[in-house]
Amino acid sequence: LLLHVWQHRGTLGKSRRQDSIVRLREHGSTKTLLSEFPNLASFLDSELDSILDDVSQFPVDGRAPHFYGGKGQYAFDVHSGSIVYTHPTTRVPTASLFYGYVTSFTYFYECDRRKLDPAKLLESGTWASSSVGVMMACGALAYSEIPRYYAFALGMTGTLD
C-alpha cells in the first residue's frame, strides 16, 4: 500500500482528500489488508489520511522533502542501510527515532536516490523492513494514570511527592 501511495503521490495529492482515500480503499493491497483484518475497517480512513499527510511532504520531482505541519525539520542520514535521524535536542545521530509514515517515505525517497537498496525494504528482520508498512495505533496509555491503578509506584522520578 505504501509503495503504491509513494508511486502515485503526485496524482493522489491533486485529488480531493476524500477521493484519494476512496481510491486507496479500493486498491488491492488495502482490500487484502481488510480481508485479513476486517476489524481495521473502522480505523482505516483516519490511517489513510495520515499516510496522505505524510507523503505530501515529499515532492514528486525528486527534490528534498519539506517537512512542515508542526513536525519540524528532520535531519537524517543513511547509515548501514537505515535512516538515522539526528536527535533534536542532543544533536546526536540515533537509529531509535521514528517519525511514522515520514520515516517510511524517507526510505522510499532514499531508494529513489539510490542511497538505499530497495531489497533491504523487503529483507525480513532489518530496521528498514520494520519501518515500511501500515502502522495502526492500537491504544494509548496516559502515564499520569498509572499511579491510580497500583498501591505503590516505583521508578517514576519527579512525578510523585
Protein backbone atom coordinates (compact mmCIF):
# COMPACT_ATOMS: atom_id res chain seq x y z
CA LEU A 1 0.00 0.00 0.00
CA LEU A 2 2.72 2.47 0.95
CA LEU A 3 4.68 1.74 -2.22
CA HIS A 4 1.52 2.43 -4.25
CA VAL A 5 0.99 5.72 -2.38
CA TRP A 6 4.63 6.65 -2.94
CA GLN A 7 4.48 5.90 -6.67
CA HIS A 8 1.20 7.81 -7.12
CA ARG A 9 1.77 10.68 -4.67
CA GLY A 10 1.50 13.22 -7.49
CA THR A 11 -1.99 12.18 -8.55
CA LEU A 12 -3.18 11.37 -5.02
CA GLY A 13 -2.07 14.82 -3.87
CA LYS A 14 -4.02 16.59 -6.61
CA SER A 15 -7.34 14.91 -5.80
CA ARG A 16 -9.67 15.92 -3.01
CA ARG A 17 -8.54 14.15 0.15
CA GLN A 18 -11.73 12.09 0.47
CA ASP A 19 -11.48 10.99 -3.18
CA SER A 20 -7.89 9.85 -2.58
CA ILE A 21 -8.98 7.89 0.49
CA VAL A 22 -11.72 6.18 -1.53
CA ARG A 23 -9.19 5.30 -4.27
CA LEU A 24 -6.82 3.85 -1.68
CA ARG A 25 -9.63 1.83 -0.07
CA GLU A 26 -10.29 0.26 -3.48
CA HIS A 27 -6.63 -0.66 -4.05
CA GLY A 28 -5.83 -4.38 -3.98
CA SER A 29 -3.40 -4.18 -1.07
CA THR A 30 -5.99 -2.38 1.07
CA LYS A 31 -8.60 -5.00 0.21
CA THR A 32 -6.14 -7.74 1.16
CA LEU A 33 -5.39 -5.99 4.45
CA LEU A 34 -9.10 -5.71 5.26
CA SER A 35 -9.80 -9.31 4.28
CA GLU A 36 -7.13 -10.49 6.73
CA PHE A 37 -8.04 -7.95 9.44
CA PRO A 38 -11.69 -6.93 8.97
CA ASN A 39 -11.86 -5.12 12.32
CA LEU A 40 -9.48 -2.48 10.98
CA ALA A 41 -12.12 -1.10 8.63
CA SER A 42 -13.41 1.47 11.12
CA PHE A 43 -9.88 2.85 11.68
CA LEU A 44 -8.68 2.73 8.11
CA ASP A 45 -9.84 6.12 6.81
CA SER A 46 -8.01 8.05 9.51
CA GLU A 47 -4.88 5.97 8.89
CA LEU A 48 -5.08 6.60 5.14
CA ASP A 49 -5.45 10.31 5.93
CA SER A 50 -2.24 10.18 7.99
CA ILE A 51 -0.46 8.37 5.16
CA LEU A 52 -1.56 11.04 2.67
CA ASP A 53 -0.50 13.83 5.06
CA ASP A 54 2.99 12.43 5.41
CA VAL A 55 3.57 11.60 1.74
CA SER A 56 2.57 15.16 0.81
CA GLN A 57 5.86 16.32 2.32
CA PHE A 58 7.80 14.59 -0.46
CA PRO A 59 7.81 16.46 -3.81
CA VAL A 60 7.18 14.36 -6.90
CA ASP A 61 10.07 15.92 -8.82
CA GLY A 62 12.72 14.32 -6.60
CA ARG A 63 13.66 17.46 -4.67
CA ALA A 64 14.41 17.06 -0.98
CA PRO A 65 11.35 16.62 1.23
CA HIS A 66 9.96 19.65 3.03
CA PHE A 67 8.85 18.73 6.49
CA TYR A 68 6.20 21.01 7.92
CA GLY A 69 2.95 20.95 9.83
CA GLY A 70 4.33 21.15 13.34
CA LYS A 71 6.69 18.24 12.81
CA GLY A 72 9.75 20.43 12.47
CA GLN A 73 12.87 19.70 10.49
CA TYR A 74 14.12 16.13 10.47
CA ALA A 75 17.86 15.88 9.96
CA PHE A 76 18.68 12.39 8.74
CA ASP A 77 21.37 10.38 7.05
CA VAL A 78 21.64 6.87 5.64
CA HIS A 79 23.87 4.62 7.72
CA SER A 80 24.29 0.85 7.24
CA GLY A 81 21.07 0.56 5.24
CA SER A 82 18.95 2.50 7.73
CA ILE A 83 17.61 6.01 8.07
CA VAL A 84 19.32 7.58 11.06
CA TYR A 85 17.83 10.79 12.45
CA THR A 86 19.72 13.39 14.42
CA HIS A 87 18.13 13.75 17.84
CA PRO A 88 16.56 17.24 18.01
CA THR A 89 17.93 18.07 21.48
CA THR A 90 21.20 16.18 21.77
CA ARG A 91 22.08 16.57 18.05
CA VAL A 92 23.42 13.00 18.18
CA PRO A 93 22.55 10.63 15.32
CA THR A 94 20.34 7.78 16.54
CA ALA A 95 18.54 4.91 14.84
CA SER A 96 15.94 4.77 17.60
CA LEU A 97 13.97 7.80 16.36
CA PHE A 98 10.99 7.04 14.18
CA TYR A 99 8.53 9.52 12.68
CA GLY A 100 5.79 7.20 11.44
CA TYR A 101 4.99 7.37 7.76
CA VAL A 102 7.52 10.18 7.25
CA THR A 103 10.20 7.59 8.05
CA SER A 104 8.58 5.07 5.71
CA PHE A 105 8.51 7.54 2.84
CA THR A 106 12.07 8.67 3.63
CA TYR A 107 13.14 5.08 2.91
CA PHE A 108 11.38 5.22 -0.48
CA TYR A 109 12.92 8.64 -1.16
CA GLU A 110 16.42 7.34 -0.46
CA CYS A 111 15.78 4.24 -2.63
CA ASP A 112 14.79 6.55 -5.49
CA ARG A 113 18.04 8.47 -4.95
CA ARG A 114 19.91 5.12 -4.99
CA LYS A 115 21.32 5.68 -1.49
CA LEU A 116 19.44 2.62 -0.23
CA ASP A 117 18.94 -0.79 -1.77
CA PRO A 118 15.19 -1.42 -2.27
CA ALA A 119 15.79 -5.10 -1.46
CA LYS A 120 16.56 -4.03 2.14
CA LEU A 121 12.95 -2.91 2.49
CA LEU A 122 11.83 -6.47 1.84
CA GLU A 123 14.55 -8.22 3.83
CA SER A 124 12.92 -9.62 6.94
CA GLY A 125 14.36 -8.56 10.27
CA THR A 126 16.01 -5.35 9.09
CA TRP A 127 15.31 -1.96 10.60
CA ALA A 128 14.23 -0.81 7.15
CA SER A 129 11.68 -3.59 6.66
CA SER A 130 10.13 -2.89 10.06
CA SER A 131 9.82 0.81 9.22
CA VAL A 132 7.86 0.41 5.99
CA GLY A 133 4.29 -0.70 6.45
CA VAL A 134 0.87 0.29 7.72
CA MET A 135 1.26 1.18 11.39
CA MET A 136 -2.07 1.50 13.11
CA ALA A 137 -2.15 2.72 16.69
CA CYS A 138 -3.68 0.07 18.90
CA GLY A 139 -4.12 2.10 22.05
CA ALA A 140 -2.89 4.91 24.21
CA LEU A 141 -1.55 4.99 27.73
CA ALA A 142 -1.57 8.06 29.92
CA TYR A 143 1.44 7.69 32.17
CA SER A 144 -0.17 10.06 34.67
CA GLU A 145 -2.91 7.46 35.27
CA ILE A 146 -0.54 4.61 36.21
CA PRO A 147 -0.23 5.59 39.90
CA ARG A 148 -4.01 5.36 40.31
CA TYR A 149 -4.04 1.65 39.46
CA TYR A 150 -1.42 0.47 41.95
CA ALA A 151 -0.84 0.87 45.67
CA PHE A 152 2.87 1.53 45.06
CA ALA A 153 4.61 3.14 42.10
CA LEU A 154 8.38 2.80 41.90
CA GLY A 155 10.69 4.43 39.40
CA MET A 156 8.60 7.41 38.41
CA THR A 157 11.02 10.13 39.42
CA GLY A 158 9.68 13.62 39.64
CA THR A 159 6.04 12.62 39.28
CA LEU A 160 5.21 11.68 42.88
CA ASP A 161 5.53 13.52 46.18
